[in-house]
Amino acid sequence: MNARFDDKVALVTGAASGIGREVVLRLAREGARVACVDLNAERLAATLADAGLGERGIALSCDVTDADNVDATVAKVVSQFGRIDILVNSAGIADPNGRRLHEIPLDAWDMVQNVNVRGMFMMKRSVIPHMLESGGGAIVNLGSVGSFRATVRASSYVTSKGAVLMMTKAAAIDYAKDNIRVNAVCPGTINTEILAQASLETMQMLLGRAPQGRLGEAEEVASLIAFLVSDEARHINGGSYLIDGGRCAGG
């Protein structure tokens, strides 16, 4: 019996850590050839090694805010594997300083928008022509609970993640007749290495707003993404799927 992604080529951004890394590991286990893309070359190499991809994998250092870099990266993937069937846009950042809107320097605001919105746009702009040529594909964009609800001192981040939802919907209807599906996955707080340095007070606050009493795990998000890019989800398009343990349900 074939694995779900035996005949598929995937490009995953933000692949060096967190959710992006787990997506690579999951797709690799299920047979995909995977292009692992991130700015951190050293950690990217570790992801590739841990995935055990061998000749089925390639690690490419890429700045998603640089259009020429994005185009060159996509061209390398197509040259290596001949096509791109799956795109997972996981690269993203937040302003770590927790400032109110009027306190955010312009360069800090622009950096978050450039990575989270412009970078996602440019990656899709570069990949979609290859999907059109090969007859279709599946794209998942990483949103957030911040796509649906604001958090204090996070205006640049939640603005960018709100834009992800509309970019997802717009692309979904633009390419629906071309057999290209576009969906968004919107995690709550996920237990990744970013939280390793969090204070006890911060962790208590995060757990306090989690209805299930625990944080999400990156592999749980990767499971949802793997479903959405699989043929099992072939009639799912333009959706935005929360994976937040019930945080946005109310209460």
C-alpha atoms as a PDB file:
ATOM      1  CA  MET A   1       0.000   0.000   0.000  1.00  0.00           C
ATOM      2  CA  ASN A   2       1.402   3.389  -1.026  1.00  0.00           C
ATOM      3  CA  ALA A   3       1.917   6.208   1.462  1.00  0.00           C
ATOM      4  CA  ARG A   4      -0.302   9.268   1.066  1.00  0.00           C
ATOM      5  CA  PHE A   5       2.364  11.441  -0.537  1.00  0.00           C
ATOM      6  CA  ASP A   6       4.475   8.933  -2.483  1.00  0.00           C
ATOM      7  CA  ASP A   7       4.074  10.829  -5.745  1.00  0.00           C
ATOM      8  CA  LYS A   8       4.098  14.362  -4.294  1.00  0.00           C
ATOM      9  CA  VAL A   9       6.685  17.143  -4.042  1.00  0.00           C
ATOM     10  CA  ALA A  10       6.294  19.576  -1.147  1.00  0.00           C
ATOM     11  CA  LEU A  11       7.937  22.913  -0.381  1.00  0.00           C
ATOM     12  CA  VAL A  12       7.797  23.916   3.293  1.00  0.00           C
ATOM     13  CA  THR A  13       8.936  27.328   4.523  1.00  0.00           C
ATOM     14  CA  GLY A  14       9.927  27.943   8.127  1.00  0.00           C
ATOM     15  CA  ALA A  15      11.248  24.382   8.049  1.00  0.00           C
ATOM     16  CA  ALA A  16      14.126  24.863  10.490  1.00  0.00           C
ATOM     17  CA  SER A  17      12.011  24.761  13.643  1.00  0.00           C
ATOM     18  CA  GLY A  18       8.588  24.563  15.230  1.00  0.00           C
ATOM     19  CA  ILE A  19       5.558  23.766  13.110  1.00  0.00           C
ATOM     20  CA  GLY A  20       7.447  23.925   9.822  1.00  0.00           C
ATOM     21  CA  ARG A  21       9.932  21.319  11.013  1.00  0.00           C
ATOM     22  CA  GLU A  22       7.139  18.997  12.155  1.00  0.00           C
ATOM     23  CA  VAL A  23       5.404  19.355   8.800  1.00  0.00           C
ATOM     24  CA  VAL A  24       8.601  18.261   7.048  1.00  0.00           C
ATOM     25  CA  LEU A  25       8.924  15.236   9.341  1.00  0.00           C
ATOM     26  CA  ARG A  26       5.278  14.269   8.794  1.00  0.00           C
ATOM     27  CA  LEU A  27       5.313  14.602   5.000  1.00  0.00           C
ATOM     28  CA  ALA A  28       8.622  12.747   4.810  1.00  0.00           C
ATOM     29  CA  ARG A  29       7.223   9.831   6.822  1.00  0.00           C
ATOM     30  CA  GLU A  30       4.335   9.617   4.378  1.00  0.00           C
ATOM     31  CA  GLY A  31       6.517   9.417   1.289  1.00  0.00           C
ATOM     32  CA  ALA A  32       6.799  12.986  -0.029  1.00  0.00           C
ATOM     33  CA  ARG A  33       9.850  14.528  -1.567  1.00  0.00           C
ATOM     34  CA  VAL A  34      10.377  17.698   0.464  1.00  0.00           C
ATOM     35  CA  ALA A  35      12.168  20.987  -0.122  1.00  0.00           C
ATOM     36  CA  CYS A  36      12.974  22.417   3.318  1.00  0.00           C
ATOM     37  CA  VAL A  37      13.225  26.212   3.182  1.00  0.00           C
ATOM     38  CA  ASP A  38      14.347  28.593   5.913  1.00  0.00           C
ATOM     39  CA  LEU A  39      16.831  31.361   6.628  1.00  0.00           C
ATOM     40  CA  ASN A  40      18.660  29.316   9.295  1.00  0.00           C
ATOM     41  CA  ALA A  41      20.883  27.016   7.239  1.00  0.00           C
ATOM     42  CA  GLU A  42      22.360  25.131  10.196  1.00  0.00           C
ATOM     43  CA  ARG A  43      19.016  24.181  11.734  1.00  0.00           C
ATOM     44  CA  LEU A  44      17.614  23.500   8.288  1.00  0.00           C
ATOM     45  CA  ALA A  45      20.297  20.861   7.742  1.00  0.00           C
ATOM     46  CA  ALA A  46      19.290  19.257  11.047  1.00  0.00           C
ATOM     47  CA  THR A  47      15.645  19.090   9.930  1.00  0.00           C
ATOM     48  CA  LEU A  48      16.654  17.445   6.681  1.00  0.00           C
ATOM     49  CA  ALA A  49      18.826  14.898   8.501  1.00  0.00           C
ATOM     50  CA  ASP A  50      16.165  14.107  11.106  1.00  0.00           C
ATOM     51  CA  ALA A  51      13.561  13.599   8.388  1.00  0.00           C
ATOM     52  CA  GLY A  52      15.741  10.898   6.819  1.00  0.00           C
ATOM     53  CA  LEU A  53      14.850  12.110   3.358  1.00  0.00           C
ATOM     54  CA  GLY A  54      18.124  11.320   1.620  1.00  0.00           C
ATOM     55  CA  GLU A  55      17.695  11.982  -2.091  1.00  0.00           C
ATOM     56  CA  ARG A  56      14.026  12.774  -1.478  1.00  0.00           C
ATOM     57  CA  GLY A  57      14.974  16.004   0.301  1.00  0.00           C
ATOM     58  CA  ILE A  58      16.730  19.288  -0.280  1.00  0.00           C
ATOM     59  CA  ALA A  59      17.568  22.114   2.157  1.00  0.00           C
ATOM     60  CA  LEU A  60      17.547  25.648   0.776  1.00  0.00           C
ATOM     61  CA  SER A  61      18.394  28.790   2.719  1.00  0.00           C
ATOM     62  CA  CYS A  62      15.982  31.511   1.631  1.00  0.00           C
ATOM     63  CA  ASP A  63      14.887  34.966   2.750  1.00  0.00           C
ATOM     64  CA  VAL A  64      11.166  35.010   1.963  1.00  0.00           C
ATOM     65  CA  THR A  65      11.177  38.828   1.967  1.00  0.00           C
ATOM     66  CA  ASP A  66      13.537  38.882  -1.050  1.00  0.00           C
ATOM     67  CA  ALA A  67      11.685  38.336  -4.330  1.00  0.00           C
ATOM     68  CA  ASP A  68      14.762  37.266  -6.302  1.00  0.00           C
ATOM     69  CA  ASN A  69      15.760  34.843  -3.536  1.00  0.00           C
ATOM     70  CA  VAL A  70      12.251  33.348  -3.505  1.00  0.00           C
ATOM     71  CA  ASP A  71      12.165  32.914  -7.284  1.00  0.00           C
ATOM     72  CA  ALA A  72      15.637  31.333  -7.313  1.00  0.00           C
ATOM     73  CA  THR A  73      14.670  28.952  -4.501  1.00  0.00           C
ATOM     74  CA  VAL A  74      11.514  27.799  -6.245  1.00  0.00           C
ATOM     75  CA  ALA A  75      13.458  27.342  -9.482  1.00  0.00           C
ATOM     76  CA  LYS A  76      15.956  25.089  -7.656  1.00  0.00           C
ATOM     77  CA  VAL A  77      13.144  22.942  -6.276  1.00  0.00           C
ATOM     78  CA  VAL A  78      11.575  22.513  -9.714  1.00  0.00           C
ATOM     79  CA  SER A  79      14.978  21.774 -11.224  1.00  0.00           C
ATOM     80  CA  GLN A  80      15.617  19.110  -8.563  1.00  0.00           C
ATOM     81  CA  PHE A  81      12.204  17.450  -8.444  1.00  0.00           C
ATOM     82  CA  GLY A  82      10.443  18.534 -11.642  1.00  0.00           C
ATOM     83  CA  ARG A  83       7.331  19.977  -9.981  1.00  0.00           C
ATOM     84  CA  ILE A  84       5.771  21.330  -6.785  1.00  0.00           C
ATOM     85  CA  ASP A  85       2.487  19.783  -5.654  1.00  0.00           C
ATOM     86  CA  ILE A  86       2.296  21.086  -2.081  1.00  0.00           C
ATOM     87  CA  LEU A  87       3.246  24.438  -0.576  1.00  0.00           C
ATOM     88  CA  VAL A  88       3.159  25.025   3.178  1.00  0.00           C
ATOM     89  CA  ASN A  89       3.793  28.649   4.133  1.00  0.00           C
ATOM     90  CA  SER A  90       4.963  28.305   7.728  1.00  0.00           C
ATOM     91  CA  ALA A  91       7.581  31.073   7.897  1.00  0.00           C
ATOM     92  CA  GLY A  92       6.489  33.798  10.296  1.00  0.00           C
ATOM     93  CA  ILE A  93       7.688  36.172  12.994  1.00  0.00           C
ATOM     94  CA  ALA A  94       6.280  38.422  15.714  1.00  0.00           C
ATOM     95  CA  ASP A  95       7.514  41.609  17.352  1.00  0.00           C
ATOM     96  CA  PRO A  96       9.088  40.280  20.562  1.00  0.00           C
ATOM     97  CA  ASN A  97       8.898  43.585  22.393  1.00  0.00           C
ATOM     98  CA  GLY A  98       5.187  43.673  23.224  1.00  0.00           C
ATOM     99  CA  ARG A  99       4.549  47.299  22.295  1.00  0.00           C
ATOM    100  CA  ARG A 100       1.303  49.192  21.779  1.00  0.00           C
ATOM    101  CA  LEU A 101       0.599  50.248  18.215  1.00  0.00           C
ATOM    102  CA  HIS A 102       1.896  53.838  18.458  1.00  0.00           C
ATOM    103  CA  GLU A 103       5.110  52.618  20.089  1.00  0.00           C
ATOM    104  CA  ILE A 104       6.132  50.276  17.269  1.00  0.00           C
ATOM    105  CA  PRO A 105       8.983  51.626  15.098  1.00  0.00           C
ATOM    106  CA  LEU A 106       8.215  51.614  11.399  1.00  0.00           C
ATOM    107  CA  ASP A 107      11.006  49.171  10.605  1.00  0.00           C
ATOM    108  CA  ALA A 108       9.711  46.706  13.214  1.00  0.00           C
ATOM    109  CA  TRP A 109       6.169  46.958  11.802  1.00  0.00           C
ATOM    110  CA  ASP A 110       7.433  46.504   8.246  1.00  0.00           C
ATOM    111  CA  MET A 111       9.529  43.454   9.143  1.00  0.00           C
ATOM    112  CA  VAL A 112       6.526  41.559  10.523  1.00  0.00           C
ATOM    113  CA  GLN A 113       4.376  42.438   7.486  1.00  0.00           C
ATOM    114  CA  ASN A 114       7.207  41.634   5.068  1.00  0.00           C
ATOM    115  CA  VAL A 115       7.743  38.131   6.440  1.00  0.00           C
ATOM    116  CA  ASN A 116       4.178  37.163   7.344  1.00  0.00           C
ATOM    117  CA  VAL A 117       2.288  38.746   4.440  1.00  0.00           C
ATOM    118  CA  ARG A 118       4.605  39.819   1.630  1.00  0.00           C
ATOM    119  CA  GLY A 119       6.778  36.707   1.983  1.00  0.00           C
ATOM    120  CA  MET A 120       3.736  34.447   1.823  1.00  0.00           C
ATOM    121  CA  PHE A 121       2.446  36.312  -1.225  1.00  0.00           C
ATOM    122  CA  MET A 122       5.786  36.083  -3.032  1.00  0.00           C
ATOM    123  CA  MET A 123       6.178  32.374  -2.337  1.00  0.00           C
ATOM    124  CA  LYS A 124       2.697  31.687  -3.741  1.00  0.00           C
ATOM    125  CA  ARG A 125       3.298  33.985  -6.687  1.00  0.00           C
ATOM    126  CA  SER A 126       6.399  31.990  -7.573  1.00  0.00           C
ATOM    127  CA  VAL A 127       5.015  28.479  -6.924  1.00  0.00           C
ATOM    128  CA  ILE A 128       1.521  28.758  -8.430  1.00  0.00           C
ATOM    129  CA  PRO A 129       2.667  28.976 -12.093  1.00  0.00           C
ATOM    130  CA  HIS A 130       4.349  25.594 -11.661  1.00  0.00           C
ATOM    131  CA  MET A 131       1.177  24.158 -10.131  1.00  0.00           C
ATOM    132  CA  LEU A 132      -0.815  25.503 -13.065  1.00  0.00           C
ATOM    133  CA  GLU A 133       1.595  23.856 -15.479  1.00  0.00           C
ATOM    134  CA  SER A 134       1.429  20.479 -13.721  1.00  0.00           C
ATOM    135  CA  GLY A 135      -2.363  20.480 -13.311  1.00  0.00           C
ATOM    136  CA  GLY A 136      -2.971  21.505  -9.707  1.00  0.00           C
ATOM    137  CA  GLY A 137      -1.745  21.526  -6.142  1.00  0.00           C
ATOM    138  CA  ALA A 138      -2.530  22.253  -2.522  1.00  0.00           C
ATOM    139  CA  ILE A 139      -1.408  25.203  -0.403  1.00  0.00           C
ATOM    140  CA  VAL A 140      -1.677  25.736   3.333  1.00  0.00           C
ATOM    141  CA  ASN A 141      -0.940  29.124   4.885  1.00  0.00           C
ATOM    142  CA  LEU A 142      -0.192  29.441   8.590  1.00  0.00           C
ATOM    143  CA  GLY A 143      -2.543  31.846  10.286  1.00  0.00           C
ATOM    144  CA  SER A 144      -3.137  32.056  14.036  1.00  0.00           C
ATOM    145  CA  VAL A 145      -5.785  32.555  16.680  1.00  0.00           C
ATOM    146  CA  GLY A 146      -4.574  36.113  16.093  1.00  0.00           C
ATOM    147  CA  SER A 147      -6.314  35.912  12.723  1.00  0.00           C
ATOM    148  CA  PHE A 148      -9.614  35.941  14.636  1.00  0.00           C
ATOM    149  CA  ARG A 149      -9.023  37.779  17.893  1.00  0.00           C
ATOM    150  CA  ALA A 150      -6.703  40.532  19.014  1.00  0.00           C
ATOM    151  CA  THR A 151      -4.209  40.296  21.852  1.00  0.00           C
ATOM    152  CA  VAL A 152      -2.853  43.280  23.740  1.00  0.00           C
ATOM    153  CA  ARG A 153       0.497  44.592  22.522  1.00  0.00           C
ATOM    154  CA  ALA A 154       0.465  42.424  19.407  1.00  0.00           C
ATOM    155  CA  SER A 155      -0.999  44.726  16.735  1.00  0.00           C
ATOM    156  CA  SER A 156       1.643  44.092  14.064  1.00  0.00           C
ATOM    157  CA  TYR A 157       1.314  40.318  14.430  1.00  0.00           C
ATOM    158  CA  VAL A 158      -2.471  40.072  14.501  1.00  0.00           C
ATOM    159  CA  THR A 159      -2.740  42.512  11.579  1.00  0.00           C
ATOM    160  CA  SER A 160      -0.477  40.267   9.525  1.00  0.00           C
ATOM    161  CA  LYS A 161      -2.363  37.113  10.511  1.00  0.00           C
ATOM    162  CA  GLY A 162      -5.688  38.719   9.675  1.00  0.00           C
ATOM    163  CA  ALA A 163      -4.304  39.425   6.204  1.00  0.00           C
ATOM    164  CA  VAL A 164      -3.382  35.742   5.843  1.00  0.00           C
ATOM    165  CA  LEU A 165      -7.072  34.788   5.995  1.00  0.00           C
ATOM    166  CA  MET A 166      -8.087  37.122   3.177  1.00  0.00           C
ATOM    167  CA  MET A 167      -5.085  36.136   1.063  1.00  0.00           C
ATOM    168  CA  THR A 168      -6.120  32.510   1.548  1.00  0.00           C
ATOM    169  CA  LYS A 169      -9.728  33.130   0.519  1.00  0.00           C
ATOM    170  CA  ALA A 170      -8.745  35.278  -2.468  1.00  0.00           C
ATOM    171  CA  ALA A 171      -6.319  32.677  -3.797  1.00  0.00           C
ATOM    172  CA  ALA A 172      -8.813  29.861  -3.205  1.00  0.00           C
ATOM    173  CA  ILE A 173     -11.418  31.408  -5.471  1.00  0.00           C
ATOM    174  CA  ASP A 174      -8.854  32.649  -8.016  1.00  0.00           C
ATOM    175  CA  TYR A 175      -7.568  29.121  -8.645  1.00  0.00           C
ATOM    176  CA  ALA A 176     -10.498  26.846  -7.772  1.00  0.00           C
ATOM    177  CA  LYS A 177     -11.089  25.928 -11.415  1.00  0.00           C
ATOM    178  CA  ASP A 178      -7.373  25.175 -11.841  1.00  0.00           C
ATOM    179  CA  ASN A 179      -7.397  22.350  -9.284  1.00  0.00           C
ATOM    180  CA  ILE A 180      -5.352  24.396  -6.805  1.00  0.00           C
ATOM    181  CA  ARG A 181      -6.732  24.410  -3.270  1.00  0.00           C
ATOM    182  CA  VAL A 182      -5.721  27.008  -0.685  1.00  0.00           C
ATOM    183  CA  ASN A 183      -6.525  26.734   3.029  1.00  0.00           C
ATOM    184  CA  ALA A 184      -5.293  28.278   6.265  1.00  0.00           C
ATOM    185  CA  VAL A 185      -4.452  26.585   9.553  1.00  0.00           C
ATOM    186  CA  CYS A 186      -4.697  28.814  12.608  1.00  0.00           C
ATOM    187  CA  PRO A 187      -2.961  27.480  15.726  1.00  0.00           C
ATOM    188  CA  GLY A 188      -3.255  28.706  19.270  1.00  0.00           C
ATOM    189  CA  THR A 189      -0.195  28.756  21.491  1.00  0.00           C
ATOM    190  CA  ILE A 190       1.979  25.821  20.487  1.00  0.00           C
ATOM    191  CA  ASN A 191       4.607  24.179  22.661  1.00  0.00           C
ATOM    192  CA  THR A 192       7.749  24.838  20.618  1.00  0.00           C
ATOM    193  CA  GLU A 193      11.298  25.741  21.548  1.00  0.00           C
ATOM    194  CA  ILE A 194      10.349  29.432  21.484  1.00  0.00           C
ATOM    195  CA  LEU A 195       8.671  28.876  24.848  1.00  0.00           C
ATOM    196  CA  ALA A 196      11.737  27.222  26.389  1.00  0.00           C
ATOM    197  CA  GLN A 197      12.905  30.542  27.822  1.00  0.00           C
ATOM    198  CA  ALA A 198       9.466  31.733  28.917  1.00  0.00           C
ATOM    199  CA  SER A 199       9.079  32.748  32.543  1.00  0.00           C
ATOM    200  CA  LEU A 200       6.884  30.833  34.961  1.00  0.00           C
ATOM    201  CA  GLU A 201       4.499  33.779  34.976  1.00  0.00           C
ATOM    202  CA  THR A 202       4.218  33.689  31.179  1.00  0.00           C
ATOM    203  CA  MET A 203       3.610  29.950  31.127  1.00  0.00           C
ATOM    204  CA  GLN A 204       0.912  30.270  33.776  1.00  0.00           C
ATOM    205  CA  MET A 205      -0.765  32.978  31.707  1.00  0.00           C
ATOM    206  CA  LEU A 206      -0.652  30.837  28.549  1.00  0.00           C
ATOM    207  CA  LEU A 207      -2.062  27.803  30.321  1.00  0.00           C
ATOM    208  CA  GLY A 208      -4.718  29.942  31.985  1.00  0.00           C
ATOM    209  CA  ARG A 209      -6.247  30.859  28.638  1.00  0.00           C
ATOM    210  CA  ALA A 210      -6.155  27.279  27.292  1.00  0.00           C
ATOM    211  CA  PRO A 211      -9.542  25.589  27.891  1.00  0.00           C
ATOM    212  CA  GLN A 212      -7.992  22.118  27.704  1.00  0.00           C
ATOM    213  CA  GLY A 213      -5.397  23.101  30.298  1.00  0.00           C
ATOM    214  CA  ARG A 214      -2.458  22.436  28.007  1.00  0.00           C
ATOM    215  CA  LEU A 215      -0.683  23.938  25.046  1.00  0.00           C
ATOM    216  CA  GLY A 216      -0.907  22.498  21.564  1.00  0.00           C
ATOM    217  CA  GLU A 217       1.909  20.411  20.123  1.00  0.00           C
ATOM    218  CA  ALA A 218       3.562  21.115  16.765  1.00  0.00           C
ATOM    219  CA  GLU A 219       2.947  17.562  15.580  1.00  0.00           C
ATOM    220  CA  GLU A 220      -0.804  18.071  16.130  1.00  0.00           C
ATOM    221  CA  VAL A 221      -0.723  21.072  13.798  1.00  0.00           C
ATOM    222  CA  ALA A 222       1.345  19.087  11.290  1.00  0.00           C
ATOM    223  CA  SER A 223      -1.314  16.356  11.285  1.00  0.00           C
ATOM    224  CA  LEU A 224      -4.008  18.857  10.317  1.00  0.00           C
ATOM    225  CA  ILE A 225      -1.818  20.343   7.605  1.00  0.00           C
ATOM    226  CA  ALA A 226      -1.020  16.896   6.208  1.00  0.00           C
ATOM    227  CA  PHE A 227      -4.743  16.152   5.947  1.00  0.00           C
ATOM    228  CA  LEU A 228      -5.497  19.446   4.197  1.00  0.00           C
ATOM    229  CA  VAL A 229      -2.814  18.940   1.532  1.00  0.00           C
ATOM    230  CA  SER A 230      -3.821  15.321   0.953  1.00  0.00           C
ATOM    231  CA  ASP A 231      -6.331  14.020  -1.590  1.00  0.00           C
ATOM    232  CA  GLU A 232      -8.644  13.180   1.323  1.00  0.00           C
ATOM    233  CA  ALA A 233      -9.344  16.923   1.542  1.00  0.00           C
ATOM    234  CA  ARG A 234      -9.892  17.445  -2.188  1.00  0.00           C
ATOM    235  CA  HIS A 235     -13.224  19.274  -1.656  1.00  0.00           C
ATOM    236  CA  ILE A 236     -11.883  21.543   1.099  1.00  0.00           C
ATOM    237  CA  ASN A 237     -10.912  24.948  -0.256  1.00  0.00           C
ATOM    238  CA  GLY A 238     -10.744  28.491   1.089  1.00  0.00           C
ATOM    239  CA  GLY A 239     -11.211  27.410   4.696  1.00  0.00           C
ATOM    240  CA  SER A 240      -9.530  28.607   7.885  1.00  0.00           C
ATOM    241  CA  TYR A 241      -9.129  25.938  10.528  1.00  0.00           C
ATOM    242  CA  LEU A 242      -8.508  26.711  14.170  1.00  0.00           C
ATOM    243  CA  ILE A 243      -6.408  24.304  16.212  1.00  0.00           C
ATOM    244  CA  ASP A 244      -6.428  26.068  19.564  1.00  0.00           C
ATOM    245  CA  GLY A 245      -7.940  23.647  22.081  1.00  0.00           C
ATOM    246  CA  GLY A 246     -11.146  25.683  22.177  1.00  0.00           C
ATOM    247  CA  ARG A 247      -9.640  29.069  23.004  1.00  0.00           C
ATOM    248  CA  CYS A 248     -11.683  30.916  20.374  1.00  0.00           C
ATOM    249  CA  ALA A 249     -14.884  29.092  21.271  1.00  0.00           C
ATOM    250  CA  GLY A 250     -15.607  31.553  24.065  1.00  0.00           C
ATOM    251  CA  GLY A 251     -15.731  31.390  27.822  1.00  0.00           C
END
